[in-house]
Amino acid sequence: MARKLISSGSSFEKAAGYSRAVVDGEWVFMSGTTGFDYAKMAISDDLAEQVHQVFRNISAALAQAGSSLRDVVRANYIVPNLADWPSIVPILGQHFGEIRPASTAIVAGLVDPRMRIEIEVTARRAVRPPVSAAAQRRRTAKPKAKKKAAKRAAKKGRR
């Protein structure tokens, strides 16, 4: 399977030369994602809203990759202010409580002082095994062709 690049349409991606996510086979590698609303190119001052927006952004990119939050196996949280962590944890639980990916939390500065959290995830998509050319032809065969093939098979069985 060819590598697929996923974009959110953010001007940051083109300027810095990165993709929101990269799909490589069954894996989806997501760049660190913040609480920017990319449609408005704005970020809320409210911590809870930023965390929820991060998950909306991650969910949108995962959907483009044929995946979802249920497929996340690893999450890294980067928080510039340790005092924010107790307010963030319950929101993480809302989104990941049943999924429970492996995770790491890091206290570190972010590139924009308005950003109060950044989340990076890795997901593993369920990939169907490749379909043989013959099976593909059978799937796409017209109904008349299928009936004719069934009649031929029935005649062979009577001989």
N, C-alpha and C. Protein backbone atom coordinates (compact mmCIF):
# COMPACT_ATOMS: atom_id res chain seq x y z
N MET A 1 0.85 -1.18 0.00
CA MET A 1 0.00 0.00 0.00
C MET A 1 0.89 1.24 0.00
N ALA A 2 0.55 2.20 -0.82
CA ALA A 2 1.33 3.43 -0.91
C ALA A 2 1.11 4.32 0.32
N ARG A 3 2.10 5.09 0.61
CA ARG A 3 2.00 6.04 1.70
C ARG A 3 1.01 7.14 1.34
N LYS A 4 0.17 7.53 2.29
CA LYS A 4 -0.84 8.56 2.06
C LYS A 4 -0.64 9.69 3.06
N LEU A 5 -0.62 10.92 2.57
CA LEU A 5 -0.45 12.09 3.42
C LEU A 5 -1.82 12.71 3.69
N ILE A 6 -2.09 13.03 4.95
CA ILE A 6 -3.35 13.63 5.37
C ILE A 6 -3.07 15.07 5.78
N SER A 7 -3.92 15.99 5.31
CA SER A 7 -3.76 17.40 5.65
C SER A 7 -5.04 17.92 6.29
N SER A 8 -4.90 18.86 7.22
CA SER A 8 -6.06 19.51 7.81
C SER A 8 -6.39 20.78 7.04
N GLY A 9 -5.50 21.19 6.16
CA GLY A 9 -5.68 22.45 5.44
C GLY A 9 -5.05 23.63 6.17
N SER A 10 -4.40 23.35 7.29
CA SER A 10 -3.74 24.40 8.07
C SER A 10 -2.56 24.97 7.28
N SER A 11 -2.41 26.28 7.32
CA SER A 11 -1.27 26.93 6.66
C SER A 11 0.05 26.52 7.33
N PHE A 12 -0.01 26.09 8.59
CA PHE A 12 1.19 25.66 9.31
C PHE A 12 1.85 24.46 8.61
N GLU A 13 1.02 23.56 8.09
CA GLU A 13 1.54 22.33 7.48
C GLU A 13 2.42 22.64 6.28
N LYS A 14 1.94 23.49 5.40
CA LYS A 14 2.72 23.83 4.21
C LYS A 14 3.97 24.63 4.59
N ALA A 15 3.81 25.59 5.47
CA ALA A 15 4.94 26.45 5.87
C ALA A 15 6.06 25.65 6.51
N ALA A 16 5.71 24.68 7.35
CA ALA A 16 6.73 23.92 8.08
C ALA A 16 7.08 22.59 7.40
N GLY A 17 6.37 22.26 6.32
CA GLY A 17 6.69 21.04 5.58
C GLY A 17 6.36 19.75 6.30
N TYR A 18 5.15 19.64 6.83
CA TYR A 18 4.75 18.40 7.49
C TYR A 18 3.30 18.08 7.14
N SER A 19 2.87 16.87 7.47
CA SER A 19 1.49 16.44 7.26
C SER A 19 0.83 16.28 8.62
N ARG A 20 -0.48 16.48 8.65
CA ARG A 20 -1.24 16.25 9.88
C ARG A 20 -1.09 14.79 10.29
N ALA A 21 -1.12 13.91 9.28
CA ALA A 21 -0.93 12.48 9.54
C ALA A 21 -0.36 11.82 8.30
N VAL A 22 0.30 10.69 8.53
CA VAL A 22 0.83 9.87 7.45
C VAL A 22 0.30 8.46 7.65
N VAL A 23 -0.32 7.92 6.59
CA VAL A 23 -0.81 6.54 6.61
C VAL A 23 0.23 5.70 5.89
N ASP A 24 0.71 4.68 6.57
CA ASP A 24 1.68 3.76 5.96
C ASP A 24 1.21 2.35 6.28
N GLY A 25 0.57 1.71 5.30
CA GLY A 25 0.00 0.39 5.54
C GLY A 25 -1.12 0.48 6.55
N GLU A 26 -1.02 -0.32 7.59
CA GLU A 26 -2.08 -0.32 8.61
C GLU A 26 -1.87 0.75 9.68
N TRP A 27 -0.76 1.48 9.61
CA TRP A 27 -0.42 2.46 10.65
C TRP A 27 -0.78 3.88 10.23
N VAL A 28 -1.25 4.65 11.22
CA VAL A 28 -1.51 6.08 11.04
C VAL A 28 -0.68 6.81 12.08
N PHE A 29 0.26 7.61 11.60
CA PHE A 29 1.14 8.39 12.47
C PHE A 29 0.66 9.84 12.44
N MET A 30 0.18 10.34 13.57
CA MET A 30 -0.39 11.67 13.65
C MET A 30 0.61 12.64 14.24
N SER A 31 0.77 13.79 13.59
CA SER A 31 1.62 14.85 14.14
C SER A 31 0.99 15.38 15.42
N GLY A 32 1.80 16.06 16.22
CA GLY A 32 1.27 16.72 17.40
C GLY A 32 0.15 17.67 16.97
N THR A 33 -0.97 17.59 17.67
CA THR A 33 -2.16 18.35 17.28
C THR A 33 -2.60 19.22 18.44
N THR A 34 -2.86 20.48 18.15
CA THR A 34 -3.26 21.43 19.19
C THR A 34 -4.73 21.80 19.05
N GLY A 35 -5.17 22.72 19.88
CA GLY A 35 -6.56 23.12 19.93
C GLY A 35 -6.96 24.19 18.94
N PHE A 36 -6.17 24.41 17.89
CA PHE A 36 -6.56 25.38 16.86
C PHE A 36 -7.78 24.86 16.11
N ASP A 37 -8.73 25.75 15.87
CA ASP A 37 -9.84 25.47 14.97
C ASP A 37 -9.34 25.89 13.60
N TYR A 38 -8.99 24.93 12.75
CA TYR A 38 -8.35 25.24 11.47
C TYR A 38 -9.29 25.92 10.49
N ALA A 39 -10.59 25.74 10.65
CA ALA A 39 -11.54 26.43 9.77
C ALA A 39 -11.51 27.93 10.03
N LYS A 40 -11.33 28.31 11.29
CA LYS A 40 -11.31 29.73 11.66
C LYS A 40 -9.89 30.25 11.88
N MET A 41 -8.91 29.32 11.92
CA MET A 41 -7.52 29.66 12.26
C MET A 41 -7.48 30.49 13.55
N ALA A 42 -8.20 29.96 14.54
CA ALA A 42 -8.28 30.60 15.85
C ALA A 42 -8.14 29.53 16.92
N ILE A 43 -7.77 29.97 18.13
CA ILE A 43 -7.66 29.06 19.26
C ILE A 43 -8.34 29.70 20.46
N SER A 44 -9.10 28.90 21.19
CA SER A 44 -9.81 29.39 22.37
C SER A 44 -8.84 29.60 23.52
N ASP A 45 -9.16 30.54 24.40
CA ASP A 45 -8.39 30.72 25.62
C ASP A 45 -8.75 29.67 26.67
N ASP A 46 -9.93 29.05 26.50
CA ASP A 46 -10.45 28.10 27.47
C ASP A 46 -9.75 26.75 27.33
N LEU A 47 -9.16 26.26 28.41
CA LEU A 47 -8.41 25.01 28.39
C LEU A 47 -9.29 23.84 27.96
N ALA A 48 -10.46 23.68 28.56
CA ALA A 48 -11.33 22.55 28.22
C ALA A 48 -11.70 22.58 26.74
N GLU A 49 -12.02 23.75 26.23
CA GLU A 49 -12.36 23.87 24.80
C GLU A 49 -11.17 23.49 23.93
N GLN A 50 -9.97 23.88 24.32
CA GLN A 50 -8.79 23.49 23.55
C GLN A 50 -8.64 21.97 23.50
N VAL A 51 -8.82 21.32 24.64
CA VAL A 51 -8.65 19.86 24.67
C VAL A 51 -9.71 19.19 23.79
N HIS A 52 -10.95 19.64 23.89
CA HIS A 52 -12.01 19.07 23.04
C HIS A 52 -11.72 19.33 21.56
N GLN A 53 -11.20 20.53 21.23
CA GLN A 53 -10.87 20.84 19.84
C GLN A 53 -9.74 19.96 19.33
N VAL A 54 -8.77 19.66 20.19
CA VAL A 54 -7.70 18.74 19.80
C VAL A 54 -8.31 17.41 19.36
N PHE A 55 -9.25 16.89 20.14
CA PHE A 55 -9.87 15.61 19.79
C PHE A 55 -10.72 15.71 18.53
N ARG A 56 -11.37 16.85 18.29
CA ARG A 56 -12.10 17.03 17.03
C ARG A 56 -11.11 17.00 15.86
N ASN A 57 -9.97 17.68 16.02
CA ASN A 57 -8.95 17.71 14.97
C ASN A 57 -8.37 16.32 14.71
N ILE A 58 -8.06 15.61 15.78
CA ILE A 58 -7.51 14.25 15.65
C ILE A 58 -8.55 13.34 15.00
N SER A 59 -9.79 13.40 15.44
CA SER A 59 -10.84 12.55 14.88
C SER A 59 -11.03 12.81 13.39
N ALA A 60 -10.99 14.07 12.98
CA ALA A 60 -11.15 14.42 11.56
C ALA A 60 -10.01 13.84 10.73
N ALA A 61 -8.79 13.95 11.21
CA ALA A 61 -7.64 13.42 10.46
C ALA A 61 -7.68 11.89 10.42
N LEU A 62 -8.04 11.27 11.53
CA LEU A 62 -8.14 9.81 11.55
C LEU A 62 -9.23 9.33 10.59
N ALA A 63 -10.34 10.06 10.50
CA ALA A 63 -11.40 9.68 9.58
C ALA A 63 -10.90 9.75 8.13
N GLN A 64 -10.12 10.78 7.80
CA GLN A 64 -9.54 10.87 6.45
C GLN A 64 -8.62 9.68 6.17
N ALA A 65 -8.03 9.14 7.22
CA ALA A 65 -7.11 8.01 7.09
C ALA A 65 -7.84 6.66 7.14
N GLY A 66 -9.17 6.69 7.25
CA GLY A 66 -9.92 5.43 7.35
C GLY A 66 -9.81 4.81 8.72
N SER A 67 -9.71 5.63 9.74
CA SER A 67 -9.50 5.16 11.10
C SER A 67 -10.37 5.98 12.05
N SER A 68 -10.22 5.74 13.35
CA SER A 68 -10.97 6.49 14.36
C SER A 68 -10.21 6.46 15.68
N LEU A 69 -10.73 7.15 16.65
CA LEU A 69 -10.11 7.14 17.98
C LEU A 69 -10.01 5.72 18.54
N ARG A 70 -10.96 4.84 18.19
CA ARG A 70 -10.94 3.45 18.69
C ARG A 70 -9.67 2.71 18.28
N ASP A 71 -9.02 3.19 17.20
CA ASP A 71 -7.83 2.52 16.68
C ASP A 71 -6.52 3.06 17.29
N VAL A 72 -6.61 4.06 18.15
CA VAL A 72 -5.40 4.67 18.72
C VAL A 72 -4.74 3.70 19.68
N VAL A 73 -3.44 3.47 19.48
CA VAL A 73 -2.68 2.56 20.35
C VAL A 73 -1.65 3.31 21.19
N ARG A 74 -1.35 4.55 20.83
CA ARG A 74 -0.34 5.33 21.55
C ARG A 74 -0.73 6.80 21.53
N ALA A 75 -0.59 7.48 22.67
CA ALA A 75 -0.86 8.92 22.76
C ALA A 75 0.22 9.58 23.61
N ASN A 76 0.72 10.70 23.11
CA ASN A 76 1.67 11.51 23.86
C ASN A 76 1.03 12.87 24.11
N TYR A 77 1.05 13.30 25.35
CA TYR A 77 0.46 14.58 25.74
C TYR A 77 1.58 15.54 26.11
N ILE A 78 1.56 16.72 25.53
CA ILE A 78 2.55 17.74 25.86
C ILE A 78 1.79 18.93 26.43
N VAL A 79 2.13 19.29 27.67
CA VAL A 79 1.44 20.35 28.38
C VAL A 79 2.48 21.34 28.90
N PRO A 80 2.37 22.62 28.55
CA PRO A 80 3.38 23.58 29.00
C PRO A 80 3.27 23.95 30.49
N ASN A 81 2.06 23.82 31.06
CA ASN A 81 1.86 24.24 32.44
C ASN A 81 1.33 23.06 33.26
N LEU A 82 2.17 22.53 34.14
CA LEU A 82 1.79 21.37 34.94
C LEU A 82 0.50 21.62 35.73
N ALA A 83 0.22 22.86 36.10
CA ALA A 83 -0.98 23.18 36.87
C ALA A 83 -2.26 22.89 36.06
N ASP A 84 -2.16 22.82 34.73
CA ASP A 84 -3.33 22.52 33.89
C ASP A 84 -3.67 21.03 33.88
N TRP A 85 -2.70 20.18 34.21
CA TRP A 85 -2.88 18.73 34.06
C TRP A 85 -4.12 18.19 34.77
N PRO A 86 -4.39 18.55 36.05
CA PRO A 86 -5.58 18.00 36.71
C PRO A 86 -6.90 18.34 36.00
N SER A 87 -6.96 19.45 35.28
CA SER A 87 -8.17 19.81 34.54
C SER A 87 -8.25 19.06 33.21
N ILE A 88 -7.12 18.65 32.68
CA ILE A 88 -7.06 17.95 31.39
C ILE A 88 -7.44 16.48 31.53
N VAL A 89 -7.00 15.85 32.61
CA VAL A 89 -7.16 14.40 32.79
C VAL A 89 -8.60 13.92 32.59
N PRO A 90 -9.61 14.56 33.21
CA PRO A 90 -10.98 14.04 33.02
C PRO A 90 -11.44 14.11 31.55
N ILE A 91 -10.97 15.09 30.82
CA ILE A 91 -11.36 15.21 29.40
C ILE A 91 -10.68 14.10 28.59
N LEU A 92 -9.44 13.79 28.91
CA LEU A 92 -8.77 12.66 28.25
C LEU A 92 -9.57 11.39 28.50
N GLY A 93 -10.04 11.22 29.74
CA GLY A 93 -10.84 10.06 30.09
C GLY A 93 -12.15 9.98 29.31
N GLN A 94 -12.76 11.12 29.02
CA GLN A 94 -13.99 11.13 28.21
C GLN A 94 -13.75 10.55 26.83
N HIS A 95 -12.60 10.87 26.26
CA HIS A 95 -12.31 10.44 24.89
C HIS A 95 -11.60 9.09 24.81
N PHE A 96 -10.75 8.80 25.79
CA PHE A 96 -9.92 7.60 25.72
C PHE A 96 -10.20 6.59 26.84
N GLY A 97 -11.21 6.84 27.68
CA GLY A 97 -11.47 6.00 28.84
C GLY A 97 -11.59 4.52 28.55
N GLU A 98 -12.31 4.15 27.49
CA GLU A 98 -12.49 2.75 27.13
C GLU A 98 -11.39 2.26 26.20
N ILE A 99 -10.73 3.17 25.50
CA ILE A 99 -9.71 2.81 24.51
C ILE A 99 -8.38 2.52 25.19
N ARG A 100 -8.03 3.37 26.12
CA ARG A 100 -6.85 3.24 26.97
C ARG A 100 -5.55 2.96 26.21
N PRO A 101 -5.15 3.89 25.32
CA PRO A 101 -3.88 3.68 24.61
C PRO A 101 -2.70 3.84 25.56
N ALA A 102 -1.57 3.27 25.18
CA ALA A 102 -0.33 3.53 25.91
C ALA A 102 -0.07 5.03 25.79
N SER A 103 0.42 5.66 26.83
CA SER A 103 0.59 7.11 26.75
C SER A 103 1.74 7.62 27.60
N THR A 104 2.16 8.83 27.26
CA THR A 104 3.19 9.54 28.00
C THR A 104 2.76 10.99 28.11
N ALA A 105 2.92 11.58 29.27
CA ALA A 105 2.65 13.01 29.45
C ALA A 105 3.98 13.72 29.69
N ILE A 106 4.17 14.81 28.98
CA ILE A 106 5.41 15.57 29.06
C ILE A 106 5.08 17.03 29.36
N VAL A 107 5.81 17.62 30.27
CA VAL A 107 5.68 19.05 30.53
C VAL A 107 6.79 19.74 29.75
N ALA A 108 6.39 20.54 28.76
CA ALA A 108 7.36 21.23 27.89
C ALA A 108 6.68 22.41 27.23
N GLY A 109 7.48 23.38 26.82
CA GLY A 109 6.94 24.53 26.11
C GLY A 109 6.42 24.15 24.74
N LEU A 110 5.45 24.91 24.24
CA LEU A 110 4.92 24.72 22.89
C LEU A 110 5.26 25.96 22.07
N VAL A 111 5.14 25.88 20.75
CA VAL A 111 5.63 26.95 19.88
C VAL A 111 4.80 28.23 19.93
N ASP A 112 3.59 28.15 20.43
CA ASP A 112 2.72 29.34 20.54
C ASP A 112 2.24 29.40 21.99
N PRO A 113 2.43 30.52 22.66
CA PRO A 113 2.04 30.60 24.08
C PRO A 113 0.54 30.43 24.33
N ARG A 114 -0.29 30.56 23.29
CA ARG A 114 -1.74 30.35 23.46
C ARG A 114 -2.09 28.87 23.56
N MET A 115 -1.20 28.01 23.09
CA MET A 115 -1.44 26.56 23.10
C MET A 115 -1.25 26.03 24.52
N ARG A 116 -2.26 25.29 25.01
CA ARG A 116 -2.17 24.76 26.36
C ARG A 116 -2.05 23.25 26.41
N ILE A 117 -2.15 22.61 25.23
CA ILE A 117 -1.95 21.17 25.13
C ILE A 117 -1.66 20.82 23.67
N GLU A 118 -0.86 19.77 23.49
CA GLU A 118 -0.64 19.18 22.18
C GLU A 118 -0.69 17.67 22.37
N ILE A 119 -1.39 16.99 21.48
CA ILE A 119 -1.52 15.53 21.57
C ILE A 119 -1.06 14.92 20.25
N GLU A 120 -0.22 13.90 20.37
CA GLU A 120 0.28 13.15 19.22
C GLU A 120 -0.21 11.72 19.39
N VAL A 121 -0.77 11.13 18.33
CA VAL A 121 -1.26 9.75 18.45
C VAL A 121 -0.73 8.88 17.31
N THR A 122 -0.73 7.59 17.57
CA THR A 122 -0.47 6.57 16.57
C THR A 122 -1.65 5.62 16.62
N ALA A 123 -2.17 5.29 15.44
CA ALA A 123 -3.31 4.37 15.36
C ALA A 123 -2.96 3.21 14.43
N ARG A 124 -3.62 2.10 14.65
CA ARG A 124 -3.43 0.93 13.78
C ARG A 124 -4.78 0.58 13.17
N ARG A 125 -4.87 0.77 11.88
CA ARG A 125 -6.11 0.54 11.16
C ARG A 125 -6.31 -0.95 10.90
N ALA A 126 -7.56 -1.35 10.81
CA ALA A 126 -7.87 -2.71 10.38
C ALA A 126 -7.78 -2.70 8.86
N VAL A 127 -6.86 -3.46 8.30
CA VAL A 127 -6.67 -3.50 6.86
C VAL A 127 -7.13 -4.85 6.35
N ARG A 128 -7.97 -4.83 5.32
CA ARG A 128 -8.44 -6.08 4.72
C ARG A 128 -7.33 -6.69 3.88
N PRO A 129 -7.26 -8.01 3.84
CA PRO A 129 -6.24 -8.65 3.00
C PRO A 129 -6.50 -8.33 1.53
N PRO A 130 -5.46 -8.33 0.70
CA PRO A 130 -5.65 -8.04 -0.72
C PRO A 130 -6.60 -9.04 -1.37
N VAL A 131 -7.34 -8.57 -2.36
CA VAL A 131 -8.30 -9.40 -3.07
C VAL A 131 -7.67 -9.83 -4.39
N SER A 132 -7.80 -11.12 -4.73
CA SER A 132 -7.24 -11.62 -5.99
C SER A 132 -7.97 -10.99 -7.17
N ALA A 133 -7.33 -10.98 -8.33
CA ALA A 133 -7.93 -10.41 -9.53
C ALA A 133 -9.22 -11.15 -9.88
N ALA A 134 -9.22 -12.48 -9.75
CA ALA A 134 -10.42 -13.27 -10.07
C ALA A 134 -11.57 -12.92 -9.12
N ALA A 135 -11.27 -12.79 -7.85
CA ALA A 135 -12.31 -12.42 -6.88
C ALA A 135 -12.83 -11.03 -7.17
N GLN A 136 -11.95 -10.11 -7.56
CA GLN A 136 -12.37 -8.75 -7.89
C GLN A 136 -13.31 -8.77 -9.10
N ARG A 137 -12.99 -9.60 -10.11
CA ARG A 137 -13.86 -9.70 -11.29
C ARG A 137 -15.23 -10.24 -10.89
N ARG A 138 -15.25 -11.25 -10.02
CA ARG A 138 -16.53 -11.80 -9.57
C ARG A 138 -17.36 -10.76 -8.85
N ARG A 139 -16.71 -9.92 -8.03
CA ARG A 139 -17.44 -8.89 -7.28
C ARG A 139 -18.06 -7.85 -8.21
N THR A 140 -17.36 -7.54 -9.29
CA THR A 140 -17.82 -6.47 -10.16
C THR A 140 -18.57 -6.99 -11.38
N ALA A 141 -18.72 -8.31 -11.52
CA ALA A 141 -19.42 -8.88 -12.68
C ALA A 141 -20.88 -8.43 -12.68
N LYS A 142 -21.41 -8.25 -13.89
CA LYS A 142 -22.82 -7.86 -14.03
C LYS A 142 -23.69 -9.04 -13.69
N PRO A 143 -24.92 -8.80 -13.22
CA PRO A 143 -25.81 -9.91 -12.84
C PRO A 143 -26.02 -10.93 -13.96
N LYS A 144 -26.16 -10.49 -15.24
CA LYS A 144 -26.35 -11.44 -16.34
C LYS A 144 -25.14 -12.36 -16.46
N ALA A 145 -23.95 -11.78 -16.36
CA ALA A 145 -22.73 -12.59 -16.46
C ALA A 145 -22.68 -13.61 -15.33
N LYS A 146 -23.13 -13.23 -14.15
CA LYS A 146 -23.13 -14.16 -13.02
C LYS A 146 -24.10 -15.31 -13.28
N LYS A 147 -25.27 -14.99 -13.85
CA LYS A 147 -26.27 -16.03 -14.14
C LYS A 147 -25.72 -16.99 -15.19
N LYS A 148 -25.08 -16.45 -16.25
CA LYS A 148 -24.51 -17.30 -17.29
C LYS A 148 -23.44 -18.22 -16.71
N ALA A 149 -22.61 -17.67 -15.86
CA ALA A 149 -21.54 -18.48 -15.25
C ALA A 149 -22.15 -19.59 -14.39
N ALA A 150 -23.23 -19.30 -13.70
CA ALA A 150 -23.89 -20.30 -12.86
C ALA A 150 -24.51 -21.40 -13.73
N LYS A 151 -25.10 -21.02 -14.89
CA LYS A 151 -25.67 -22.01 -15.80
C LYS A 151 -24.59 -22.92 -16.36
N ARG A 152 -23.46 -22.31 -16.77
CA ARG A 152 -22.35 -23.12 -17.30
C ARG A 152 -21.86 -24.11 -16.25
N ALA A 153 -21.73 -23.65 -15.03
CA ALA A 153 -21.27 -24.53 -13.96
C ALA A 153 -22.26 -25.65 -13.72
N ALA A 154 -23.57 -25.35 -13.81
CA ALA A 154 -24.60 -26.37 -13.60
C ALA A 154 -24.55 -27.41 -14.72
N LYS A 155 -24.37 -26.96 -15.97
CA LYS A 155 -24.29 -27.89 -17.11
C LYS A 155 -23.09 -28.82 -16.94
N LYS A 156 -21.96 -28.29 -16.53
CA LYS A 156 -20.74 -29.11 -16.36
C LYS A 156 -21.00 -30.18 -15.31
N GLY A 157 -21.77 -29.86 -14.30
CA GLY A 157 -22.05 -30.80 -13.23
C GLY A 157 -22.94 -31.94 -13.69
N ARG A 158 -23.76 -31.74 -14.73
CA ARG A 158 -24.69 -32.78 -15.22
C ARG A 158 -24.00 -33.74 -16.15
N ARG A 159 -22.89 -33.42 -16.72
CA ARG A 159 -22.19 -34.28 -17.69
C ARG A 159 -21.56 -35.45 -17.05
